[in-house]
């Protein structure tokens, strides 16, 4: 599932998820919009925070549609 779709459908706020995964809410906004891609460490945190609804393969699929470089954090 795409990260933005998860946030919308779960009715959780970006700020809530940002706190849970340890990033700034603005960064979550960038992830939702596809302007940034998370590090592998952050992908694992997102998978945990979303109870496995958003996983590594979802980010790969998003990157194939919009091939910007991965964020190096």
Protein backbone atom coordinates (compact mmCIF):
# COMPACT_ATOMS: atom_id res chain seq x y z
CA UNK A 1 0.00 0.00 0.00
CA UNK A 2 1.29 3.47 -0.77
CA UNK A 3 2.25 5.48 2.31
CA UNK A 4 -0.08 8.38 1.47
CA UNK A 5 -2.98 6.01 0.89
CA UNK A 6 -2.29 4.35 4.24
CA UNK A 7 -2.31 7.68 6.08
CA UNK A 8 -5.54 8.76 4.39
CA UNK A 9 -7.35 5.46 4.91
CA UNK A 10 -6.14 4.92 8.47
CA UNK A 11 -7.26 8.44 9.41
CA UNK A 12 -3.98 8.88 11.30
CA UNK A 13 -2.24 12.20 11.04
CA UNK A 14 1.13 12.64 9.43
CA UNK A 15 2.32 14.22 12.67
CA UNK A 16 1.29 11.15 14.66
CA UNK A 17 3.17 8.84 12.33
CA UNK A 18 6.17 11.21 12.31
CA UNK A 19 6.39 10.98 16.12
CA UNK A 20 6.12 7.21 15.97
CA UNK A 21 8.91 6.78 13.40
CA UNK A 22 11.11 9.57 14.77
CA UNK A 23 11.09 12.11 11.95
CA UNK A 24 9.78 15.64 11.45
CA UNK A 25 6.18 15.93 10.18
CA UNK A 26 7.46 17.80 7.13
CA UNK A 27 9.52 14.76 6.16
CA UNK A 28 6.38 12.59 6.36
CA UNK A 29 4.74 15.08 4.01
CA UNK A 30 7.63 14.67 1.57
CA UNK A 31 7.33 10.88 1.79
CA UNK A 32 3.59 11.02 1.16
CA UNK A 33 4.07 13.21 -1.90
CA UNK A 34 6.88 11.08 -3.34
CA UNK A 35 9.42 13.90 -3.10
CA UNK A 36 11.63 11.76 -0.85
CA UNK A 37 12.20 8.07 -0.25
CA UNK A 38 13.10 6.63 3.15
CA UNK A 39 16.30 4.87 4.13
CA UNK A 40 16.06 1.14 4.72
CA UNK A 41 16.14 1.80 8.47
CA UNK A 42 13.17 4.14 8.13
CA UNK A 43 11.32 1.68 5.86
CA UNK A 44 11.50 -0.82 8.75
CA UNK A 45 10.12 1.76 11.19
CA UNK A 46 7.30 2.64 8.79
CA UNK A 47 6.43 -1.04 8.33
CA UNK A 48 6.23 -1.43 12.11
CA UNK A 49 4.22 1.79 12.58
CA UNK A 50 1.74 0.72 9.89
CA UNK A 51 1.44 -2.86 11.17
CA UNK A 52 2.94 -4.13 7.94
CA UNK A 53 0.55 -2.26 5.67
CA UNK A 54 3.40 -0.25 4.06
CA UNK A 55 6.48 -2.38 3.38
CA UNK A 56 9.70 -2.27 1.38
CA UNK A 57 8.11 -3.48 -1.86
CA UNK A 58 5.63 -0.60 -1.72
CA UNK A 59 8.53 1.87 -1.76
CA UNK A 60 10.19 0.01 -4.63
CA UNK A 61 6.96 0.23 -6.64
CA UNK A 62 6.69 3.96 -5.87
CA UNK A 63 10.30 4.50 -6.89
CA UNK A 64 9.76 2.72 -10.20
CA UNK A 65 6.95 5.15 -10.97
CA UNK A 66 9.01 8.16 -9.89
CA UNK A 67 12.76 7.33 -9.96
CA UNK A 68 14.25 9.97 -7.69
CA UNK A 69 17.28 9.03 -5.60
CA UNK A 70 16.85 7.49 -2.17
CA UNK A 71 17.37 9.79 0.77
CA UNK A 72 20.67 9.04 2.46
CA UNK A 73 19.54 9.40 6.09
